[in-house]
PDB file of N, CA and C in Angstrom:
ATOM      1  N   MET A   1    -124.009-107.936 -66.583  1.00  0.00           N
ATOM      2  CA  MET A   1    -122.755-108.163 -67.414  1.00  0.00           C
ATOM      3  C   MET A   1    -121.558-107.057 -67.287  1.00  0.00           C
ATOM      4  N   ASN A   2    -120.520-107.407 -66.735  1.00  0.00           N
ATOM      5  CA  ASN A   2    -119.425-106.293 -66.431  1.00  0.00           C
ATOM      6  C   ASN A   2    -118.594-106.422 -67.729  1.00  0.00           C
ATOM      7  N   LYS A   3    -118.893-105.725 -68.534  1.00  0.00           N
ATOM      8  CA  LYS A   3    -117.894-105.569 -69.902  1.00  0.00           C
ATOM      9  C   LYS A   3    -116.435-105.233 -69.604  1.00  0.00           C
ATOM     10  N   LYS A   4    -116.067-104.502 -68.582  1.00  0.00           N
ATOM     11  CA  LYS A   4    -114.772-104.157 -68.239  1.00  0.00           C
ATOM     12  C   LYS A   4    -114.169-105.045 -67.298  1.00  0.00           C
ATOM     13  N   GLY A   5    -114.753-106.201 -67.090  1.00  0.00           N
ATOM     14  CA  GLY A   5    -114.298-107.177 -66.088  1.00  0.00           C
ATOM     15  C   GLY A   5    -113.278-107.951 -66.707  1.00  0.00           C
ATOM     16  N   GLU A   6    -112.601-108.849 -65.840  1.00  0.00           N
ATOM     17  CA  GLU A   6    -111.573-109.759 -66.454  1.00  0.00           C
ATOM     18  C   GLU A   6    -112.179-110.824 -67.128  1.00  0.00           C
ATOM     19  N   ILE A   7    -111.307-111.353 -67.954  1.00  0.00           N
ATOM     20  CA  ILE A   7    -111.494-112.728 -68.789  1.00  0.00           C
ATOM     21  C   ILE A   7    -110.734-113.841 -67.928  1.00  0.00           C
ATOM     22  N   VAL A   8    -111.584-114.727 -67.315  1.00  0.00           N
ATOM     23  CA  VAL A   8    -110.823-115.767 -66.740  1.00  0.00           C
ATOM     24  C   VAL A   8    -110.885-116.962 -67.549  1.00  0.00           C
ATOM     25  N   ILE A   9    -109.693-117.553 -67.651  1.00  0.00           N
ATOM     26  CA  ILE A   9    -109.316-118.749 -68.739  1.00  0.00           C
ATOM     27  C   ILE A   9    -108.772-119.662 -67.806  1.00  0.00           C
ATOM     28  N   ILE A  10    -109.541-120.942 -68.040  1.00  0.00           N
ATOM     29  CA  ILE A  10    -109.017-122.104 -67.235  1.00  0.00           C
ATOM     30  C   ILE A  10    -108.647-123.149 -68.216  1.00  0.00           C
ATOM     31  N   GLU A  11    -107.129-123.136 -68.185  1.00  0.00           N
ATOM     32  CA  GLU A  11    -106.608-124.027 -69.171  1.00  0.00           C
ATOM     33  C   GLU A  11    -105.261-124.538 -68.722  1.00  0.00           C
ATOM     34  N   ASP A  12    -105.015-125.748 -69.017  1.00  0.00           N
ATOM     35  CA  ASP A  12    -103.699-126.307 -68.507  1.00  0.00           C
ATOM     36  C   ASP A  12    -102.729-126.510 -69.565  1.00  0.00           C
ATOM     37  N   ASP A  13    -103.056-126.342 -70.799  1.00  0.00           N
ATOM     38  CA  ASP A  13    -102.079-126.454 -71.924  1.00  0.00           C
ATOM     39  C   ASP A  13    -101.182-125.197 -72.346  1.00  0.00           C
ATOM     40  N   ALA A  14    -100.059-125.096 -72.271  1.00  0.00           N
ATOM     41  CA  ALA A  14     -99.541-123.779 -72.492  1.00  0.00           C
ATOM     42  C   ALA A  14     -99.615-123.352 -73.864  1.00  0.00           C
ATOM     43  N   ASP A  15     -99.521-124.367 -74.757  1.00  0.00           N
ATOM     44  CA  ASP A  15     -99.999-124.027 -76.203  1.00  0.00           C
ATOM     45  C   ASP A  15    -101.243-123.327 -76.353  1.00  0.00           C
ATOM     46  N   ASP A  16    -102.299-123.816 -75.913  1.00  0.00           N
ATOM     47  CA  ASP A  16    -103.634-123.165 -75.910  1.00  0.00           C
ATOM     48  C   ASP A  16    -103.701-121.901 -75.252  1.00  0.00           C
ATOM     49  N   ARG A  17    -103.011-121.908 -74.070  1.00  0.00           N
ATOM     50  CA  ARG A  17    -103.042-120.488 -73.365  1.00  0.00           C
ATOM     51  C   ARG A  17    -102.424-119.468 -74.333  1.00  0.00           C
ATOM     52  N   PHE A  18    -101.282-119.752 -75.046  1.00  0.00           N
ATOM     53  CA  PHE A  18    -100.516-118.941 -75.775  1.00  0.00           C
ATOM     54  C   PHE A  18    -101.570-118.419 -77.028  1.00  0.00           C
ATOM     55  N   LEU A  19    -102.184-119.531 -77.552  1.00  0.00           N
ATOM     56  CA  LEU A  19    -103.064-119.194 -78.718  1.00  0.00           C
ATOM     57  C   LEU A  19    -104.289-118.355 -78.256  1.00  0.00           C
ATOM     58  N   LEU A  20    -104.750-118.542 -77.123  1.00  0.00           N
ATOM     59  CA  LEU A  20    -105.863-117.780 -76.855  1.00  0.00           C
ATOM     60  C   LEU A  20    -105.306-116.103 -76.375  1.00  0.00           C
ATOM     61  N   GLU A  21    -104.152-116.202 -75.950  1.00  0.00           N
ATOM     62  CA  GLU A  21    -103.631-114.866 -75.763  1.00  0.00           C
ATOM     63  C   GLU A  21    -103.360-113.975 -76.976  1.00  0.00           C
ATOM     64  N   GLU A  22    -102.930-114.837 -77.958  1.00  0.00           N
ATOM     65  CA  GLU A  22    -102.605-114.090 -79.223  1.00  0.00           C
ATOM     66  C   GLU A  22    -104.043-113.765 -79.805  1.00  0.00           C
ATOM     67  N   VAL A  23    -104.999-114.424 -79.805  1.00  0.00           N
ATOM     68  CA  VAL A  23    -106.430-113.922 -80.306  1.00  0.00           C
ATOM     69  C   VAL A  23    -106.940-112.787 -79.670  1.00  0.00           C
ATOM     70  N   PHE A  24    -106.874-112.752 -78.393  1.00  0.00           N
ATOM     71  CA  PHE A  24    -107.353-111.625 -77.539  1.00  0.00           C
ATOM     72  C   PHE A  24    -106.447-110.479 -77.782  1.00  0.00           C
ATOM     73  N   SER A  25    -105.148-110.485 -78.053  1.00  0.00           N
ATOM     74  CA  SER A  25    -104.329-109.325 -78.389  1.00  0.00           C
ATOM     75  C   SER A  25    -104.415-108.832 -79.729  1.00  0.00           C
ATOM     76  N   SER A  26    -104.817-109.777 -80.663  1.00  0.00           N
ATOM     77  CA  SER A  26    -104.837-109.403 -81.976  1.00  0.00           C
ATOM     78  C   SER A  26    -106.458-108.713 -82.153  1.00  0.00           C
ATOM     79  N   LEU A  27    -107.245-109.129 -81.305  1.00  0.00           N
ATOM     80  CA  LEU A  27    -108.595-108.498 -81.267  1.00  0.00           C
ATOM     81  C   LEU A  27    -108.607-107.195 -80.601  1.00  0.00           C
ATOM     82  N   ASN A  28    -107.559-106.777 -79.931  1.00  0.00           N
ATOM     83  CA  ASN A  28    -107.496-105.501 -79.128  1.00  0.00           C
ATOM     84  C   ASN A  28    -108.273-105.577 -77.879  1.00  0.00           C
ATOM     85  N   TYR A  29    -108.478-106.849 -77.178  1.00  0.00           N
ATOM     86  CA  TYR A  29    -109.372-106.863 -76.192  1.00  0.00           C
ATOM     87  C   TYR A  29    -108.735-105.969 -75.060  1.00  0.00           C
ATOM     88  N   PRO A  30    -109.306-105.116 -74.421  1.00  0.00           N
ATOM     89  CA  PRO A  30    -108.560-104.275 -73.264  1.00  0.00           C
ATOM     90  C   PRO A  30    -108.725-104.908 -71.960  1.00  0.00           C
ATOM     91  N   ASN A  31    -109.598-106.078 -71.753  1.00  0.00           N
ATOM     92  CA  ASN A  31    -109.839-106.782 -70.621  1.00  0.00           C
ATOM     93  C   ASN A  31    -108.692-107.292 -70.132  1.00  0.00           C
ATOM     94  N   LYS A  32    -108.347-107.437 -68.915  1.00  0.00           N
ATOM     95  CA  LYS A  32    -107.210-107.989 -68.103  1.00  0.00           C
ATOM     96  C   LYS A  32    -107.573-109.655 -68.223  1.00  0.00           C
ATOM     97  N   ARG A  33    -106.789-110.323 -68.584  1.00  0.00           N
ATOM     98  CA  ARG A  33    -106.858-111.964 -68.709  1.00  0.00           C
ATOM     99  C   ARG A  33    -106.207-112.481 -67.464  1.00  0.00           C
ATOM    100  N   VAL A  34    -106.763-113.560 -66.785  1.00  0.00           N
ATOM    101  CA  VAL A  34    -106.311-114.113 -65.660  1.00  0.00           C
ATOM    102  C   VAL A  34    -106.498-115.635 -65.976  1.00  0.00           C
ATOM    103  N   TYR A  35    -105.324-116.413 -66.009  1.00  0.00           N
ATOM    104  CA  TYR A  35    -105.260-117.845 -66.433  1.00  0.00           C
ATOM    105  C   TYR A  35    -104.914-118.523 -65.213  1.00  0.00           C
ATOM    106  N   PHE A  36    -105.760-119.735 -65.268  1.00  0.00           N
ATOM    107  CA  PHE A  36    -105.656-120.715 -64.200  1.00  0.00           C
ATOM    108  C   PHE A  36    -105.171-122.196 -64.818  1.00  0.00           C
ATOM    109  N   PRO A  37    -104.401-123.033 -64.100  1.00  0.00           N
ATOM    110  CA  PRO A  37    -103.940-124.317 -64.647  1.00  0.00           C
ATOM    111  C   PRO A  37    -105.219-125.492 -64.408  1.00  0.00           C
ATOM    112  N   ASP A  38    -105.983-125.146 -63.508  1.00  0.00           N
ATOM    113  CA  ASP A  38    -106.912-126.242 -63.204  1.00  0.00           C
ATOM    114  C   ASP A  38    -108.207-125.402 -62.536  1.00  0.00           C
ATOM    115  N   GLY A  39    -109.365-126.111 -62.475  1.00  0.00           N
ATOM    116  CA  GLY A  39    -110.545-125.630 -62.194  1.00  0.00           C
ATOM    117  C   GLY A  39    -110.688-125.321 -60.681  1.00  0.00           C
ATOM    118  N   GLN A  40    -109.967-126.000 -59.933  1.00  0.00           N
ATOM    119  CA  GLN A  40    -109.988-125.631 -58.358  1.00  0.00           C
ATOM    120  C   GLN A  40    -109.411-124.243 -58.092  1.00  0.00           C
ATOM    121  N   GLU A  41    -108.225-123.909 -58.730  1.00  0.00           N
ATOM    122  CA  GLU A  41    -107.614-122.704 -58.442  1.00  0.00           C
ATOM    123  C   GLU A  41    -108.606-121.405 -58.959  1.00  0.00           C
ATOM    124  N   ALA A  42    -109.131-121.834 -60.155  1.00  0.00           N
ATOM    125  CA  ALA A  42    -110.113-120.736 -60.752  1.00  0.00           C
ATOM    126  C   ALA A  42    -111.336-120.587 -59.812  1.00  0.00           C
ATOM    127  N   LEU A  43    -111.897-121.717 -59.216  1.00  0.00           N
ATOM    128  CA  LEU A  43    -113.046-121.572 -58.307  1.00  0.00           C
ATOM    129  C   LEU A  43    -112.427-120.955 -56.954  1.00  0.00           C
ATOM    130  N   ASP A  44    -111.463-121.285 -56.355  1.00  0.00           N
ATOM    131  CA  ASP A  44    -111.069-120.588 -55.381  1.00  0.00           C
ATOM    132  C   ASP A  44    -110.859-118.929 -55.501  1.00  0.00           C
ATOM    133  N   TYR A  45    -110.388-118.704 -56.629  1.00  0.00           N
ATOM    134  CA  TYR A  45    -110.166-117.237 -57.000  1.00  0.00           C
ATOM    135  C   TYR A  45    -111.341-116.589 -57.120  1.00  0.00           C
ATOM    136  N   LEU A  46    -112.345-116.983 -57.803  1.00  0.00           N
ATOM    137  CA  LEU A  46    -113.668-116.512 -58.116  1.00  0.00           C
ATOM    138  C   LEU A  46    -114.553-116.281 -56.665  1.00  0.00           C
ATOM    139  N   TYR A  47    -114.155-117.210 -55.649  1.00  0.00           N
ATOM    140  CA  TYR A  47    -114.847-117.068 -54.276  1.00  0.00           C
ATOM    141  C   TYR A  47    -114.191-115.933 -53.595  1.00  0.00           C
ATOM    142  N   LYS A  48    -112.967-115.686 -53.784  1.00  0.00           N
ATOM    143  CA  LYS A  48    -112.344-114.795 -52.865  1.00  0.00           C
ATOM    144  C   LYS A  48    -112.231-113.368 -53.584  1.00  0.00           C
ATOM    145  N   THR A  49    -112.359-113.181 -54.772  1.00  0.00           N
ATOM    146  CA  THR A  49    -112.544-111.861 -55.439  1.00  0.00           C
ATOM    147  C   THR A  49    -113.834-111.200 -55.546  1.00  0.00           C
ATOM    148  N   ASP A  50    -113.715-110.105 -55.397  1.00  0.00           N
ATOM    149  CA  ASP A  50    -114.991-109.269 -55.513  1.00  0.00           C
ATOM    150  C   ASP A  50    -115.390-108.843 -57.000  1.00  0.00           C
ATOM    151  N   THR A  51    -114.248-109.067 -57.855  1.00  0.00           N
ATOM    152  CA  THR A  51    -114.409-108.678 -59.173  1.00  0.00           C
ATOM    153  C   THR A  51    -115.529-109.525 -59.843  1.00  0.00           C
ATOM    154  N   VAL A  52    -116.270-108.978 -60.843  1.00  0.00           N
ATOM    155  CA  VAL A  52    -117.229-109.771 -61.579  1.00  0.00           C
ATOM    156  C   VAL A  52    -116.453-109.904 -62.918  1.00  0.00           C
ATOM    157  N   PRO A  53    -116.263-111.205 -63.432  1.00  0.00           N
ATOM    158  CA  PRO A  53    -115.794-111.394 -64.803  1.00  0.00           C
ATOM    159  C   PRO A  53    -116.600-111.074 -65.647  1.00  0.00           C
ATOM    160  N   PHE A  54    -116.035-110.674 -66.993  1.00  0.00           N
ATOM    161  CA  PHE A  54    -116.711-110.409 -68.222  1.00  0.00           C
ATOM    162  C   PHE A  54    -117.006-111.698 -68.958  1.00  0.00           C
ATOM    163  N   LEU A  55    -116.134-112.741 -68.920  1.00  0.00           N
ATOM    164  CA  LEU A  55    -116.183-113.892 -69.632  1.00  0.00           C
ATOM    165  C   LEU A  55    -115.385-114.963 -68.939  1.00  0.00           C
ATOM    166  N   ILE A  56    -115.726-116.229 -68.780  1.00  0.00           N
ATOM    167  CA  ILE A  56    -115.087-117.371 -68.419  1.00  0.00           C
ATOM    168  C   ILE A  56    -114.995-118.430 -69.464  1.00  0.00           C
ATOM    169  N   LEU A  57    -113.639-118.718 -69.679  1.00  0.00           N
ATOM    170  CA  LEU A  57    -113.439-119.849 -70.693  1.00  0.00           C
ATOM    171  C   LEU A  57    -112.958-120.850 -69.942  1.00  0.00           C
ATOM    172  N   SER A  58    -113.341-122.231 -70.209  1.00  0.00           N
ATOM    173  CA  SER A  58    -112.795-123.308 -69.546  1.00  0.00           C
ATOM    174  C   SER A  58    -112.660-124.512 -70.398  1.00  0.00           C
ATOM    175  N   ASP A  59    -111.357-125.188 -70.485  1.00  0.00           N
ATOM    176  CA  ASP A  59    -111.174-126.462 -70.916  1.00  0.00           C
ATOM    177  C   ASP A  59    -112.158-127.458 -70.346  1.00  0.00           C
ATOM    178  N   VAL A  60    -112.437-128.447 -70.889  1.00  0.00           N
ATOM    179  CA  VAL A  60    -113.611-129.542 -70.236  1.00  0.00           C
ATOM    180  C   VAL A  60    -112.683-130.477 -69.369  1.00  0.00           C
ATOM    181  N   ASN A  61    -111.429-131.158 -69.882  1.00  0.00           N
ATOM    182  CA  ASN A  61    -110.915-132.319 -69.177  1.00  0.00           C
ATOM    183  C   ASN A  61    -109.794-131.676 -68.351  1.00  0.00           C
ATOM    184  N   MET A  62    -109.866-131.315 -67.240  1.00  0.00           N
ATOM    185  CA  MET A  62    -108.927-130.535 -66.217  1.00  0.00           C
ATOM    186  C   MET A  62    -108.555-131.391 -65.194  1.00  0.00           C
ATOM    187  N   PRO A  63    -107.106-131.148 -64.719  1.00  0.00           N
ATOM    188  CA  PRO A  63    -106.689-131.822 -63.510  1.00  0.00           C
ATOM    189  C   PRO A  63    -107.444-131.202 -62.228  1.00  0.00           C
ATOM    190  N   LYS A  64    -107.634-132.050 -61.191  1.00  0.00           N
ATOM    191  CA  LYS A  64    -108.225-131.583 -60.102  1.00  0.00           C
ATOM    192  C   LYS A  64    -109.824-131.402 -60.007  1.00  0.00           C
ATOM    193  N   LEU A  65    -110.085-130.712 -60.824  1.00  0.00           N
ATOM    194  CA  LEU A  65    -111.589-130.298 -60.805  1.00  0.00           C
ATOM    195  C   LEU A  65    -111.959-129.946 -62.519  1.00  0.00           C
ATOM    196  N   ASP A  66    -112.873-130.539 -63.103  1.00  0.00           N
ATOM    197  CA  ASP A  66    -113.306-130.235 -64.323  1.00  0.00           C
ATOM    198  C   ASP A  66    -114.912-129.551 -64.181  1.00  0.00           C
TER     199      ASP A  66
END
């Protein structure tokens, strides 16, 4: 587990993204947050990057790829 890695968030709703960002900010999480609007973009990113994420959060019903 890479505790200093990015937090990957796959969420297509802007209100939910805002809420998640508020929670992570209020908890003072130092990890960089990376947001994706659909599962396919997140999967493409994860295949291309060498970074090992700390946490991946995903909505269930997503456009393109759930």
